[in-house]
Structure formats: structure tokens, C-alpha cells
Amino acid sequence: MHGGNVELLAPQYGFQVGDVLDFSANINPYGPPPGTRDLLSQRWQDIARYPDPHSTHLRAVLARWHNVQTKNITVANGASELIYWIARLFHAPKALVLGPTFTEYSIAVQSADGDTQYEFAKGKDGFRHVFKNVKIGSDNRINLVFVGNPNNPTGTMEDAASLQKWIKQSLSRSPNTLFVIDESFLPFAGPESLSLAPFAVETPGVIILRSMTKIFSIPGLRLGYAVSQIETAKKLERLMPTWRVNILAQRFGEEMFSFAQFINHSRIMLESHRNDLIGNLRALPHLKAFDSAANFVLIKMLAAGMDAVSLASALAKKGILVRSCNDFAGLEKGKFIRVAVRKPEENKILVQALKEQLFHAG
């Protein structure tokens, strides 16, 4: 189950789609960027033509953004599509997933007839991994590793130096292993200098995933990409279908540089809103809000009688959607929800609704 299924849930609870406050999907509330409507309106007639199957102009823009070669870029119909094709780079992959994390990694591995092992970070450690304890070598035959950074749903951001050191050490023992670092939420966490894209380009066995869906608030348009060594990109291209990125998504992505100010403004605003939201959540009884580097917050319910699904259902009846985390492996079932960071007036409504539910539960 994913967040953001407003079309289905709104009428189920008696609301119009536009009347629902959706905290279940981690989408930038300030998007899409100004000018998007005009851009797409000006280019709508392009849909009468096939899109460029190689996304040539889009890849060139993304390459310039990351200061890499165009051949280092692979584009797709969202980052989630790339997860599935990456799993298919291997016959029956044997994957290690650093969790608790995005459920799509293990689902993609399963769809490729593979098996998934987990290395779970603990809540008492702030859900941060101790990399020296995560061993990868020929003895466990791991050939695919998924790491979310920042991670969904915990919001943790691993130290880049520690992550690179661990990957290098692991590759020295297991050189055929592919490390997938999912940076879909990095634009909310900091500048591009935090990205491991340069490391991926110079290191065999590393691929970086990026999503334009979250920061630009275009989940209905769908656009994601990967940065990797050229040989890895070639292997992916051979697997993936032609015309996978529609022409309007390509046109939107080609404006990346004109959206730079929007990205910076969104990050600054949402960092402030996130800190305020965490502070207000921590003032409520029976809840623990975890620190986050992203545009969402993981919340644990501490009271014995509280249940995540029941809480999510009660809030939905008020027109507020939150994400129950029952399907995230490594999180205690019934005890966790995840909420997106929205604008202050909307966050205030969420906190008040939670306060009322906690009062009734108490």
C-alpha cells in the first residue's frame, strides 16, 4: 500500500478530492513550480508526436545539473520504474535491503524471482545504521543492495563519508554487488553537494536514483532518473522499453535549471515547517516523533491501546489522510504512522486532530 490514493479514499469517507488534507503522500505542498501550467499548455500539441525515445535533451540537462556525461543518465517513468528494472539486471537477485524502508525495493526483487534479506536499524538508535555491523561478502552471495538516503519512512540521512567507506569496503569483498542509493528525497534535505552522484560515476557497482515527483509535486506526470557509470546505464537501457518517458514529462524536466530557485525556496520553507511540526507533535502525550531530514515525519504511538490503522481511519473520517506503516518491514505493527510536512496552517489542523484523538483514546 502507498500513500496518496486520494481518488479512492476521499469518496470512501464522504469527501470530495479537493476537500481532503493528504498527509499520506510525501509531496511538496508548494509545487508544481510557477510556470508549470503555462509550460505544459504551450507544449500540449506535442502529444500528437512520439516522444524522443532517448530523451536526448532531458538527459543532457540532467547531466549538466550533476556535472556528468549524458551517457551517465538513465531516465524513466518515475524512480519506482527504475527500481524494478534494476532488480532485473540480475537473474533471481539476492538482495540486501537496509530497513525499515520503502516497500517497493523488496517487491521489485520478488518480481524478478529474487530473495530479500533485511538489515534493520533500531528505533533506539534513531533508525541509523551502524555500517561496520553490516557485512557483505562472498559468503552471503548478496549481489544487490538498496539504501534510502534520506530514507523513507524514517527520515534518516546517513553520513556520506561513512556510506561511501562502507560501499568501498563491501565492493572490495564482493565486486559484483550493485549498490542502489535512493536519493528521491535529497532535494528536501540539502544542496546537491550532498549527493553521491559523483561517487556513482567514478565507482563501478553504484547507482543513484532520483525522483522529480516529490520536490516538484508532479506525481501524475511521472519522472525519475538514475546516475551511474556508463556501462551500468547501458545495461539498464537494454532492458527498458522504448518511449517510457512521455513528451510532456520530458519538456518539464528540460526546465530543471529554471526551477533551481523553487527547489531552494521549498527546502528552506519545509525545513522550518518540519521543525515546527516535530516540536508540536512532541508536545502531545503518547506519541514519539522522530527526527527527520526529509519532508515527512515518522511517529510512534506509545500507549498500549493505540493502533495505527484505527488512528488513520479516525483521521480519515475528518478528511485527513496519514500513512499507516503496518506494511513497512522492521516497524512494529500497529505502532507507527508517517505524516508529510505541509504548510503551517495545514500542519496545525493535523496536530489538533491528533490531539483530539489522543484525548478520546486516553
Protein backbone atom coordinates (compact mmCIF):
# COMPACT_ATOMS: atom_id res chain seq x y z
CA MET A 1 0.00 0.00 0.00
CA HIS A 2 1.20 3.51 -0.79
CA GLY A 3 0.09 6.91 0.40
CA GLY A 4 -1.64 9.42 -1.80
CA ASN A 5 -4.56 7.36 -3.10
CA VAL A 6 -6.93 10.29 -2.65
CA GLU A 7 -9.11 9.41 -5.63
CA LEU A 8 -10.11 6.16 -3.91
CA LEU A 9 -10.17 7.24 -0.27
CA ALA A 10 -11.90 10.63 -0.48
CA PRO A 11 -15.31 9.30 -1.66
CA GLN A 12 -14.95 6.33 0.67
CA TYR A 13 -15.05 8.74 3.62
CA GLY A 14 -17.62 11.08 2.07
CA PHE A 15 -15.30 13.84 0.83
CA GLN A 16 -14.51 15.49 -2.48
CA VAL A 17 -10.87 15.05 -3.50
CA GLY A 18 -10.16 18.77 -3.12
CA ASP A 19 -11.53 18.80 0.44
CA VAL A 20 -9.06 16.22 1.77
CA LEU A 21 -5.82 17.12 3.55
CA ASP A 22 -3.38 14.49 2.31
CA PHE A 23 -0.50 13.87 4.72
CA SER A 24 -0.07 10.32 3.40
CA ALA A 25 1.94 11.30 0.28
CA ASN A 26 5.34 12.97 0.64
CA ILE A 27 4.77 15.66 -1.98
CA ASN A 28 5.96 19.27 -1.89
CA PRO A 29 2.92 21.40 -0.94
CA TYR A 30 4.45 24.40 -2.75
CA GLY A 31 4.50 22.69 -6.12
CA PRO A 32 4.26 22.35 -9.02
CA PRO A 33 6.70 25.17 -9.75
CA PRO A 34 5.36 28.51 -11.01
CA GLY A 35 5.04 28.46 -14.76
CA THR A 36 4.28 24.73 -15.00
CA ARG A 37 0.73 25.30 -16.23
CA ASP A 38 1.93 27.68 -18.97
CA LEU A 39 4.78 25.36 -19.92
CA LEU A 40 2.53 22.35 -20.36
CA SER A 41 -0.20 24.40 -22.05
CA GLN A 42 2.29 25.73 -24.58
CA ARG A 43 3.51 22.22 -25.35
CA TRP A 44 0.26 20.26 -25.24
CA GLN A 45 0.20 19.87 -29.03
CA ASP A 46 3.45 17.89 -28.72
CA ILE A 47 1.36 14.91 -27.58
CA ALA A 48 0.46 14.39 -31.24
CA ARG A 49 4.05 13.21 -31.76
CA TYR A 50 6.06 10.33 -30.33
CA PRO A 51 8.48 11.43 -27.62
CA ASP A 52 12.21 11.15 -28.20
CA PRO A 53 12.90 7.51 -27.22
CA HIS A 54 16.34 8.52 -25.91
CA SER A 55 15.18 11.64 -24.02
CA THR A 56 18.25 13.32 -25.51
CA HIS A 57 17.63 16.91 -24.40
CA LEU A 58 16.36 15.89 -20.97
CA ARG A 59 19.37 13.68 -20.28
CA ALA A 60 21.70 16.49 -21.39
CA VAL A 61 20.06 18.89 -18.92
CA LEU A 62 20.27 16.37 -16.07
CA ALA A 63 23.89 15.61 -16.94
CA ARG A 64 24.72 19.31 -16.74
CA TRP A 65 22.86 19.55 -13.43
CA HIS A 66 25.06 16.81 -11.95
CA ASN A 67 28.20 17.73 -13.92
CA VAL A 68 28.42 14.28 -15.52
CA GLN A 69 28.18 12.93 -19.06
CA THR A 70 24.84 12.42 -20.77
CA LYS A 71 25.69 8.72 -21.03
CA ASN A 72 25.72 8.54 -17.22
CA ILE A 73 21.99 9.37 -17.09
CA THR A 74 19.10 6.93 -17.43
CA VAL A 75 15.58 8.38 -17.38
CA ALA A 76 12.34 6.60 -16.57
CA ASN A 77 8.64 6.95 -15.86
CA GLY A 78 9.37 7.70 -12.20
CA ALA A 79 12.13 6.41 -9.93
CA SER A 80 9.98 3.43 -8.94
CA GLU A 81 10.16 2.10 -12.51
CA LEU A 82 13.94 2.11 -12.28
CA ILE A 83 13.81 0.02 -9.10
CA TYR A 84 12.07 -2.77 -11.00
CA TRP A 85 14.45 -2.67 -13.97
CA ILE A 86 17.48 -2.61 -11.68
CA ALA A 87 16.23 -5.78 -9.98
CA ARG A 88 16.05 -7.38 -13.44
CA LEU A 89 19.73 -6.72 -14.08
CA PHE A 90 20.21 -9.97 -12.16
CA HIS A 91 18.77 -13.44 -12.58
CA ALA A 92 16.92 -14.14 -9.32
CA PRO A 93 18.73 -11.37 -7.39
CA LYS A 94 19.81 -11.91 -3.82
CA ALA A 95 19.20 -8.53 -2.27
CA LEU A 96 20.01 -6.82 0.98
CA VAL A 97 17.66 -4.01 1.96
CA LEU A 98 18.60 -1.59 4.72
CA GLY A 99 15.33 -1.12 6.54
CA PRO A 100 12.83 -0.21 7.66
CA THR A 101 12.40 1.38 4.26
CA PHE A 102 10.41 1.79 1.03
CA THR A 103 8.45 -1.41 0.38
CA GLU A 104 8.96 -1.25 -3.38
CA TYR A 105 12.57 -2.49 -3.15
CA SER A 106 11.60 -5.92 -1.86
CA ILE A 107 8.54 -6.12 -4.13
CA ALA A 108 10.75 -5.41 -7.17
CA VAL A 109 13.21 -8.11 -6.10
CA GLN A 110 10.37 -10.58 -5.64
CA SER A 111 9.02 -9.73 -9.11
CA ALA A 112 12.44 -10.71 -10.52
CA ASP A 113 12.20 -14.10 -8.72
CA GLY A 114 14.75 -12.95 -6.16
CA ASP A 115 15.09 -13.10 -2.39
CA THR A 116 15.44 -10.24 0.08
CA GLN A 117 17.35 -10.08 3.33
CA TYR A 118 16.98 -7.15 5.71
CA GLU A 119 19.33 -5.28 7.97
CA PHE A 120 17.08 -3.29 10.30
CA ALA A 121 18.09 -0.12 12.10
CA LYS A 122 16.62 0.28 15.58
CA GLY A 123 14.33 2.99 16.87
CA LYS A 124 16.52 3.37 19.97
CA ASP A 125 19.36 4.36 17.61
CA GLY A 126 17.19 6.90 15.81
CA PHE A 127 16.92 4.34 12.96
CA ARG A 128 20.53 4.96 11.95
CA HIS A 129 22.59 2.09 10.63
CA VAL A 130 25.93 1.05 12.08
CA PHE A 131 27.68 0.19 8.82
CA LYS A 132 30.56 -1.70 10.40
CA ASN A 133 28.00 -4.27 11.51
CA VAL A 134 26.51 -4.69 8.00
CA LYS A 135 28.72 -7.30 6.35
CA ILE A 136 28.58 -8.09 2.65
CA GLY A 137 30.84 -10.70 1.10
CA SER A 138 31.03 -13.85 -0.99
CA ASP A 139 29.71 -15.94 1.90
CA ASN A 140 26.20 -14.44 1.77
CA ARG A 141 26.12 -14.07 -2.05
CA ILE A 142 24.44 -10.64 -1.90
CA ASN A 143 24.50 -9.04 -5.36
CA LEU A 144 22.06 -6.15 -4.91
CA VAL A 145 21.77 -3.63 -2.06
CA PHE A 146 19.14 -0.91 -1.56
CA VAL A 147 19.73 2.11 0.67
CA GLY A 148 17.33 5.05 1.00
CA ASN A 149 19.16 8.32 1.72
CA PRO A 150 17.20 10.15 3.04
CA ASN A 151 15.27 7.07 3.99
CA ASN A 152 11.52 6.56 3.77
CA PRO A 153 9.74 6.29 6.24
CA THR A 154 12.30 7.06 8.96
CA GLY A 155 13.60 10.34 7.53
CA THR A 156 17.20 9.45 8.40
CA MET A 157 20.09 10.80 6.33
CA GLU A 158 23.26 8.75 6.50
CA ASP A 159 26.66 10.42 6.61
CA ALA A 160 28.04 10.45 3.06
CA ALA A 161 31.63 9.64 4.09
CA SER A 162 30.55 6.64 6.19
CA LEU A 163 28.27 5.39 3.42
CA GLN A 164 31.00 5.65 0.78
CA LYS A 165 33.56 3.95 3.03
CA TRP A 166 31.18 1.04 3.68
CA ILE A 167 30.38 0.65 -0.03
CA LYS A 168 34.07 0.65 -0.99
CA GLN A 169 34.91 -1.94 1.66
CA SER A 170 31.94 -4.09 0.61
CA LEU A 171 32.90 -3.90 -3.07
CA SER A 172 36.44 -4.97 -2.25
CA ARG A 173 34.98 -8.20 -0.83
CA SER A 174 32.08 -8.55 -3.27
CA PRO A 175 32.97 -6.70 -6.52
CA ASN A 176 29.90 -7.91 -8.43
CA THR A 177 27.43 -6.38 -5.99
CA LEU A 178 25.37 -3.38 -7.12
CA PHE A 179 24.59 -0.69 -4.53
CA VAL A 180 21.46 1.37 -5.21
CA ILE A 181 21.35 4.64 -3.27
CA ASP A 182 17.87 6.13 -3.49
CA GLU A 183 18.12 9.92 -3.21
CA SER A 184 14.50 10.64 -4.12
CA PHE A 185 14.09 12.91 -1.09
CA LEU A 186 17.54 14.52 -1.15
CA PRO A 187 16.28 17.90 -2.51
CA PHE A 188 14.39 18.33 0.79
CA ALA A 189 17.47 17.53 2.87
CA GLY A 190 20.14 19.80 1.44
CA PRO A 191 22.08 21.03 -1.57
CA GLU A 192 23.25 18.88 -4.46
CA SER A 193 26.71 18.70 -2.87
CA LEU A 194 25.25 16.03 -0.56
CA SER A 195 24.51 13.74 -3.48
CA LEU A 196 26.59 10.63 -4.10
CA ALA A 197 26.17 11.05 -7.86
CA PRO A 198 29.89 11.89 -8.39
CA PHE A 199 30.79 8.79 -6.37
CA ALA A 200 28.47 6.64 -8.51
CA VAL A 201 30.05 7.86 -11.74
CA GLU A 202 33.58 7.01 -10.56
CA THR A 203 32.73 3.76 -8.74
CA PRO A 204 31.67 0.53 -10.50
CA GLY A 205 28.76 -1.07 -8.69
CA VAL A 206 26.97 2.10 -7.55
CA ILE A 207 23.82 3.67 -8.96
CA ILE A 208 21.96 6.75 -7.67
CA LEU A 209 18.19 7.08 -8.00
CA ARG A 210 16.48 10.46 -8.18
CA SER A 211 12.82 11.42 -8.35
CA MET A 212 11.39 14.65 -9.71
CA THR A 213 7.95 13.65 -8.47
CA LYS A 214 8.41 14.68 -4.84
CA ILE A 215 10.18 18.03 -4.93
CA PHE A 216 8.26 19.31 -7.98
CA SER A 217 4.90 17.83 -6.91
CA ILE A 218 4.25 16.07 -10.23
CA PRO A 219 3.22 12.51 -9.25
CA GLY A 220 0.69 12.49 -12.08
CA LEU A 221 3.36 13.39 -14.64
CA ARG A 222 5.94 10.79 -13.53
CA LEU A 223 9.64 11.44 -13.99
CA GLY A 224 12.73 9.89 -12.42
CA TYR A 225 16.30 9.12 -13.38
CA ALA A 226 19.47 7.31 -12.40
CA VAL A 227 23.12 8.36 -12.33
CA SER A 228 25.71 5.63 -12.78
CA GLN A 229 28.78 4.53 -14.68
CA ILE A 230 28.20 4.36 -18.43
CA GLU A 231 28.33 0.54 -18.57
CA THR A 232 25.62 0.27 -15.91
CA ALA A 233 23.50 2.80 -17.78
CA LYS A 234 23.90 0.81 -21.00
CA LYS A 235 22.75 -2.38 -19.29
CA LEU A 236 19.65 -0.62 -17.98
CA GLU A 237 18.86 0.89 -21.37
CA ARG A 238 18.95 -2.56 -22.99
CA LEU A 239 16.29 -3.77 -20.57
CA MET A 240 13.93 -0.81 -20.57
CA PRO A 241 11.11 -0.14 -23.04
CA THR A 242 11.10 2.50 -25.76
CA TRP A 243 9.12 5.74 -25.22
CA ARG A 244 8.93 5.18 -21.47
CA VAL A 245 9.04 8.93 -20.69
CA ASN A 246 6.11 10.85 -22.16
CA ILE A 247 6.76 14.03 -24.11
CA LEU A 248 5.30 16.43 -21.54
CA ALA A 249 7.41 14.92 -18.76
CA GLN A 250 10.47 15.37 -20.96
CA ARG A 251 9.58 19.01 -21.64
CA PHE A 252 9.07 19.65 -17.93
CA GLY A 253 12.40 18.07 -16.96
CA GLU A 254 14.25 20.10 -19.57
CA GLU A 255 13.41 23.21 -17.48
CA MET A 256 15.38 21.89 -14.48
CA PHE A 257 17.69 24.90 -14.26
CA SER A 258 14.84 27.40 -14.31
CA PHE A 259 13.39 25.58 -11.26
CA ALA A 260 16.56 25.88 -9.12
CA GLN A 261 15.22 28.80 -7.07
CA PHE A 262 11.96 26.91 -6.49
CA ILE A 263 13.91 23.92 -5.12
CA ASN A 264 15.92 26.07 -2.70
CA HIS A 265 12.88 28.00 -1.52
CA SER A 266 10.89 24.81 -0.95
CA ARG A 267 13.70 23.22 1.05
CA ILE A 268 14.13 26.26 3.31
CA MET A 269 10.41 26.64 3.94
CA LEU A 270 9.75 22.95 4.54
CA GLU A 271 12.73 22.59 6.87
CA SER A 272 11.22 25.31 9.04
CA HIS A 273 7.74 23.76 8.85
CA ARG A 274 9.18 20.31 9.66
CA ASN A 275 10.95 21.54 12.77
CA ASP A 276 7.80 23.29 13.97
CA LEU A 277 5.69 20.22 13.26
CA ILE A 278 8.06 17.91 15.14
CA GLY A 279 8.06 20.28 18.09
CA ASN A 280 4.26 20.41 18.17
CA LEU A 281 3.98 16.64 17.85
CA ARG A 282 6.40 16.13 20.72
CA ALA A 283 4.19 18.31 22.90
CA LEU A 284 1.41 15.73 22.55
CA PRO A 285 1.20 12.83 25.01
CA HIS A 286 1.60 9.18 23.98
CA LEU A 287 3.46 9.99 20.74
CA LYS A 288 7.12 9.96 19.75
CA ALA A 289 8.08 11.98 16.68
CA PHE A 290 11.48 11.05 15.23
CA ASP A 291 13.99 13.49 13.81
CA SER A 292 13.85 13.77 10.02
CA ALA A 293 15.98 15.18 7.22
CA ALA A 294 13.15 14.86 4.68
CA ASN A 295 9.66 16.26 4.13
CA PHE A 296 7.91 13.72 6.36
CA VAL A 297 7.94 12.60 9.98
CA LEU A 298 7.72 9.10 11.44
CA ILE A 299 5.55 8.89 14.57
CA LYS A 300 5.37 6.07 17.09
CA MET A 301 2.31 5.57 19.28
CA LEU A 302 3.41 4.79 22.82
CA ALA A 303 0.13 3.97 24.58
CA ALA A 304 -0.69 0.27 24.79
CA GLY A 305 -4.22 0.60 23.41
CA MET A 306 -3.38 2.73 20.39
CA ASP A 307 -3.40 1.28 16.88
CA ALA A 308 -2.06 2.88 13.69
CA VAL A 309 -4.80 1.62 11.40
CA SER A 310 -7.55 2.75 13.78
CA LEU A 311 -5.94 6.17 14.17
CA ALA A 312 -5.54 6.57 10.41
CA SER A 313 -9.19 5.60 9.91
CA ALA A 314 -10.39 8.05 12.57
CA LEU A 315 -8.41 10.87 10.97
CA ALA A 316 -9.69 9.94 7.50
CA LYS A 317 -13.23 10.45 8.78
CA LYS A 318 -12.17 14.04 9.47
CA GLY A 319 -10.81 14.41 5.95
CA ILE A 320 -7.16 13.96 6.99
CA LEU A 321 -5.11 11.17 5.42
CA VAL A 322 -1.99 9.81 7.11
CA ARG A 323 0.13 6.80 6.23
CA SER A 324 -0.17 3.71 8.40
CA CYS A 325 3.22 1.98 8.45
CA ASN A 326 1.98 -1.56 9.01
CA ASP A 327 3.48 -2.77 5.73
CA PHE A 328 6.99 -1.49 6.45
CA ALA A 329 9.11 -4.48 7.48
CA GLY A 330 11.07 -3.72 10.63
CA LEU A 331 8.47 -1.45 12.24
CA GLU A 332 6.26 -2.82 14.99
CA LYS A 333 2.82 -3.37 13.51
CA GLY A 334 0.09 -1.07 14.77
CA LYS A 335 2.52 1.39 16.32
CA PHE A 336 3.72 3.73 13.55
CA ILE A 337 2.28 6.32 11.22
CA ARG A 338 4.07 8.67 8.81
CA VAL A 339 2.92 12.19 8.04
CA ALA A 340 4.10 14.52 5.29
CA VAL A 341 5.18 18.06 6.11
CA ARG A 342 2.70 20.52 4.64
CA LYS A 343 2.08 24.25 5.06
CA PRO A 344 1.82 25.62 8.63
CA GLU A 345 -1.96 26.09 8.61
CA GLU A 346 -2.43 22.50 7.41
CA ASN A 347 0.09 21.09 9.89
CA LYS A 348 -1.83 22.89 12.65
CA ILE A 349 -5.04 21.12 11.63
CA LEU A 350 -3.24 17.75 11.75
CA VAL A 351 -1.81 18.38 15.21
CA GLN A 352 -5.19 19.49 16.55
CA ALA A 353 -6.88 16.40 15.10
CA LEU A 354 -4.24 14.15 16.65
CA LYS A 355 -4.68 15.93 19.97
CA GLU A 356 -8.43 15.25 19.88
CA GLN A 357 -7.92 11.59 19.02
CA LEU A 358 -5.37 11.15 21.79
CA PHE A 359 -7.78 12.78 24.27
CA HIS A 360 -10.54 10.35 23.31
CA ALA A 361 -8.12 7.42 23.41
CA GLY A 362 -6.94 8.46 26.84
